[in-house]
Protein backbone atom coordinates (compact mmCIF):
# COMPACT_ATOMS: atom_id res chain seq x y z
CA MET A 1 0.21 17.78 2.34
CA ILE A 2 1.29 14.75 1.77
CA GLU A 3 1.49 12.53 6.02
CA PHE A 4 4.00 10.13 6.33
CA LYS A 5 2.90 8.01 9.27
CA PRO A 6 5.48 5.29 10.51
CA ASP A 7 4.83 1.52 12.10
CA ILE A 8 8.06 1.01 13.13
CA ASN A 9 8.35 -2.74 15.09
CA GLY A 10 11.27 -4.13 16.24
CA ASN A 11 13.68 -4.16 13.08
CA THR A 12 11.08 -3.36 11.04
CA VAL A 13 10.04 -0.12 9.69
CA VAL A 14 6.50 0.63 7.68
CA TYR A 15 5.95 3.99 7.13
CA ASN A 16 2.75 4.49 4.84
CA ALA A 17 1.59 7.80 3.19
CA TYR A 18 -1.39 9.78 3.39
CA GLU A 19 -3.11 12.58 1.12
CA GLU A 20 -6.24 14.28 2.17
CA GLY A 21 -7.33 10.55 4.27
CA LYS A 22 -6.34 8.09 1.32
CA ASN A 23 -3.21 5.86 1.67
CA THR A 24 -0.83 7.16 -1.34
CA GLY A 25 2.14 4.90 -0.33
CA ARG A 26 4.19 2.29 1.30
CA VAL A 27 7.37 1.70 2.71
CA LEU A 28 8.74 -1.75 3.64
CA LEU A 29 12.50 -1.89 5.38
CA THR A 30 14.44 -4.07 7.48
CA VAL A 31 17.54 -2.95 9.75
CA GLU A 32 19.98 -5.67 11.07
CA LYS A 33 22.88 -4.07 12.84
CA THR A 34 24.16 -1.25 10.38
CA LYS A 35 22.86 -2.66 7.53
CA ALA A 36 19.17 -1.71 5.96
CA VAL A 37 17.24 -3.41 3.62
CA LEU A 38 14.72 -1.36 1.80
CA VAL A 39 12.22 -4.55 0.86
CA SER A 40 9.60 -3.05 -0.65
CA ILE A 41 8.03 0.49 -2.26
CA ASN A 42 4.39 1.79 -3.32
CA ALA A 43 3.71 4.52 -4.19
CA VAL A 44 1.14 7.08 -6.55
CA ASP A 45 3.92 9.05 -7.75
CA ASP A 46 7.62 9.63 -7.46
CA GLU A 47 7.24 12.15 -4.68
CA THR A 48 6.03 10.37 -3.02
CA ALA A 49 7.38 7.93 -3.03
CA GLU A 50 10.99 9.92 -2.17
CA GLY A 51 9.65 10.80 1.01
CA LEU A 52 8.58 7.53 2.04
CA MET A 53 12.25 6.26 1.06
CA ARG A 54 13.40 9.08 2.97
CA SER A 55 11.51 8.83 5.93
CA ALA A 56 12.59 4.67 6.07
CA LEU A 57 16.01 5.63 5.92
CA ASN A 58 16.37 8.05 8.55
CA ALA A 59 14.47 6.21 10.69
CA ALA A 60 16.90 3.25 9.76
CA ALA A 61 19.93 5.81 10.40
CA ASN A 62 18.42 6.13 13.73
CA ARG A 63 18.99 3.07 14.73
CA ASP A 64 22.54 2.70 13.70
CA GLY A 65 21.78 1.63 10.36
CA TYR A 66 24.71 3.18 8.18
CA SER A 67 24.45 1.31 4.73
CA CYS A 68 21.40 0.24 2.52
CA THR A 69 20.10 -2.43 -0.69
CA TYR A 70 17.41 -1.08 -2.55
CA LYS A 71 15.64 -4.39 -3.46
CA PRO A 72 12.41 -3.18 -5.28
CA GLU A 73 11.90 -2.98 -9.14
CA GLU A 74 9.79 0.39 -8.48
CA PHE A 75 10.69 3.79 -8.62
CA ARG A 76 14.73 2.64 -9.18
CA ASN A 77 14.78 5.84 -10.63
CA VAL A 78 14.01 8.14 -7.61
CA ALA A 79 16.16 6.02 -5.59
CA THR A 80 19.18 6.15 -8.15
CA LEU A 81 18.75 10.40 -7.56
CA LEU A 82 18.65 9.97 -3.88
CA GLY A 83 22.42 8.49 -4.67
CA PHE A 84 21.93 4.99 -4.94
CA ARG A 85 24.45 3.74 -6.92
CA ASN A 86 24.65 0.56 -8.95
CA GLU A 87 27.45 -2.48 -7.68
CA ASN A 88 27.02 -5.45 -9.91
CA GLY A 89 22.98 -4.78 -10.42
CA ILE A 90 22.18 -4.43 -7.29
CA LEU A 91 21.40 -0.74 -5.98
CA VAL A 92 23.24 -0.11 -3.04
CA GLY A 93 24.45 3.49 -0.75
CA GLU A 94 25.01 4.34 2.63
CA ILE A 95 22.71 6.21 4.62
CA PRO A 96 23.98 9.19 5.78
CA PHE A 97 24.97 10.54 2.21
CA LEU A 98 21.56 9.20 0.64
CA LEU A 99 19.57 11.14 3.05
CA THR A 100 22.00 14.75 1.66
CA GLY A 101 20.32 13.23 -1.84
CA SER A 102 22.17 14.48 -5.10
CA CYS A 103 20.80 16.78 -8.22
CA CYS A 104 21.57 13.74 -10.78
CA GLY A 105 22.82 10.74 -9.06
CA CYS A 106 26.34 11.60 -10.89
CA THR A 107 29.48 10.56 -8.93
CA ASN A 108 30.68 14.62 -8.97
CA LYS A 109 29.68 16.77 -5.78
CA CYS A 110 27.93 19.50 -6.66
CA GLN A 111 28.16 22.99 -5.13
């Protein structure tokens, strides 16, 4: 079982992932007013990366974050599946929609 532990200090959100006591990932996100930036992410696999992203986005939402820019080159495929969209080479999304996820990253709202 993967465990996500927060370290939140002001507008900086850090989550570390642990599996069987071993650190398996880390995410860093900053929040400024309603804008968040996912600055970095390291993880052993896509599942861990997704959990870290969701944890950080949830923390941002709890701190009035509404939109998020995704900066890392790593795990862009996972970010796209969550619903981040490419705008002029930059991945962006609205946190409430990112937390609901997406089935395939398409713009159709599946039922």
